[in-house]
Amino acid sequence: MNQKSKTSREIDRAWTLLALICVAAFSYGTRVWLLCGIAAAVSVLTELVCLYLRRIPFRLHHLDAGVCGIITVMLMPPTVSYSLVIMSAIFAIIIGRQMFGGRENPVIPAAAVGYCF
């Protein structure tokens, strides 16, 4: 698979998530934007800490941990507490992405791990 089609697929995924977030914000209010922002930021920060501890250099493709955080929020009800979103995002990255295969060889989706938490 060439790089152009992979980049195109990632852009399509980002536009799809943006549309879903807009619909959720229209239906449930602007709290959805805050939850998605918190989950994305916590997921990316957790990914950076895990990479630092494993002595792996940061690459641009590691930012898709934020997508995992947003998907985790989209699986939860809009009335979920902020602390649960933060803990679920951390759990999803540490257990789902780092312990069980990471980005290249995932055994189970990290967002599903965070939701199960």
Protein backbone atom coordinates (compact mmCIF):
# COMPACT_ATOMS: atom_id res chain seq x y z
CA MET A 1 0.00 0.00 0.00
CA ASN A 2 1.51 3.31 -0.97
CA GLN A 3 1.84 6.27 1.36
CA LYS A 4 -0.62 8.51 -0.48
CA SER A 5 -3.56 6.18 0.02
CA LYS A 6 -2.68 5.75 3.70
CA THR A 7 -2.62 9.52 4.20
CA SER A 8 -5.89 9.86 2.34
CA ARG A 9 -7.47 7.24 4.59
CA GLU A 10 -6.30 9.07 7.72
CA ILE A 11 -7.74 12.35 6.43
CA ASP A 12 -11.05 10.64 5.69
CA ARG A 13 -11.11 9.23 9.22
CA ALA A 14 -10.46 12.68 10.69
CA TRP A 15 -13.30 14.27 8.68
CA THR A 16 -15.65 11.47 9.70
CA LEU A 17 -14.81 11.95 13.38
CA LEU A 18 -15.28 15.70 13.06
CA ALA A 19 -18.73 15.18 11.56
CA LEU A 20 -19.67 12.78 14.37
CA ILE A 21 -18.48 15.22 17.01
CA CYS A 22 -20.47 18.05 15.40
CA VAL A 23 -23.65 15.95 15.38
CA ALA A 24 -23.08 14.92 19.01
CA ALA A 25 -22.46 18.54 20.03
CA PHE A 26 -25.63 19.60 18.22
CA SER A 27 -27.65 16.91 20.02
CA TYR A 28 -26.09 16.99 23.49
CA GLY A 29 -24.49 20.42 23.81
CA THR A 30 -21.02 21.83 23.79
CA ARG A 31 -19.88 19.62 26.66
CA VAL A 32 -19.08 17.00 24.01
CA TRP A 33 -16.36 19.27 22.57
CA LEU A 34 -14.79 19.63 26.01
CA LEU A 35 -14.89 15.88 26.65
CA CYS A 36 -13.30 15.14 23.26
CA GLY A 37 -10.59 17.73 23.83
CA ILE A 38 -9.75 16.37 27.27
CA ALA A 39 -9.67 12.77 26.04
CA ALA A 40 -7.51 13.61 23.02
CA ALA A 41 -5.03 15.63 25.08
CA VAL A 42 -4.76 13.03 27.84
CA SER A 43 -4.35 10.22 25.29
CA VAL A 44 -1.56 12.00 23.44
CA LEU A 45 0.22 12.94 26.69
CA THR A 46 -0.03 9.36 27.95
CA GLU A 47 1.35 8.11 24.64
CA LEU A 48 4.27 10.55 24.92
CA VAL A 49 5.05 9.42 28.47
CA CYS A 50 4.92 5.75 27.44
CA LEU A 51 7.20 6.42 24.47
CA TYR A 52 9.64 8.30 26.69
CA LEU A 53 9.75 5.44 29.21
CA ARG A 54 10.32 2.91 26.43
CA ARG A 55 12.97 5.17 24.84
CA ILE A 56 11.17 5.30 21.51
CA PRO A 57 11.43 8.57 19.56
CA PHE A 58 8.24 10.51 18.95
CA ARG A 59 6.91 10.42 15.39
CA LEU A 60 4.00 12.25 13.84
CA HIS A 61 1.94 9.05 13.54
CA HIS A 62 1.90 8.76 17.34
CA LEU A 63 -0.62 11.62 17.38
CA ASP A 64 -3.36 9.20 16.36
CA ALA A 65 -3.57 8.29 20.05
CA GLY A 66 -5.80 11.36 20.20
CA VAL A 67 -8.18 9.64 17.79
CA CYS A 68 -8.33 6.72 20.21
CA GLY A 69 -9.32 9.14 23.00
CA ILE A 70 -12.04 10.73 20.88
CA ILE A 71 -13.46 7.33 19.91
CA THR A 72 -13.47 6.33 23.58
CA VAL A 73 -15.52 9.44 24.42
CA MET A 74 -17.91 8.76 21.55
CA LEU A 75 -18.62 5.33 23.06
CA MET A 76 -19.62 6.86 26.40
CA PRO A 77 -22.79 8.74 27.34
CA PRO A 78 -22.55 12.55 27.23
CA THR A 79 -23.12 12.84 30.97
CA VAL A 80 -19.95 10.96 31.88
CA SER A 81 -17.70 12.62 34.46
CA TYR A 82 -14.42 14.24 33.49
CA SER A 83 -12.41 12.03 35.83
CA LEU A 84 -13.79 8.89 34.20
CA VAL A 85 -12.87 10.20 30.75
CA ILE A 86 -9.32 10.91 31.94
CA MET A 87 -8.90 7.51 33.57
CA SER A 88 -10.39 5.71 30.57
CA ALA A 89 -8.06 7.50 28.16
CA ILE A 90 -5.01 6.65 30.26
CA PHE A 91 -6.10 3.04 30.63
CA ALA A 92 -6.81 2.72 26.89
CA ILE A 93 -3.37 3.95 25.90
CA ILE A 94 -1.35 2.06 28.50
CA ILE A 95 -3.20 -1.25 28.26
CA GLY A 96 -4.76 -1.19 24.80
CA ARG A 97 -1.99 0.43 22.77
CA GLN A 98 1.23 -0.15 24.66
CA MET A 99 0.77 -3.55 26.26
CA PHE A 100 -1.35 -5.29 23.65
CA GLY A 101 0.37 -4.63 20.37
CA GLY A 102 0.65 -0.90 20.06
CA ARG A 103 -0.12 0.88 16.83
CA GLU A 104 1.38 -1.64 14.42
CA ASN A 105 -0.11 -4.89 15.72
CA PRO A 106 -3.21 -4.26 17.86
CA VAL A 107 -4.84 -7.31 19.43
CA ILE A 108 -7.93 -5.40 20.53
CA PRO A 109 -8.93 -1.80 19.77
CA ALA A 110 -7.59 0.58 22.41
CA ALA A 111 -10.84 2.56 22.46
CA ALA A 112 -12.72 -0.60 23.39
CA VAL A 113 -10.27 -1.21 26.24
CA GLY A 114 -10.91 2.31 27.54
CA TYR A 115 -14.66 1.84 27.29
CA CYS A 116 -14.49 -1.46 29.17
CA PHE A 117 -12.57 0.29 31.96
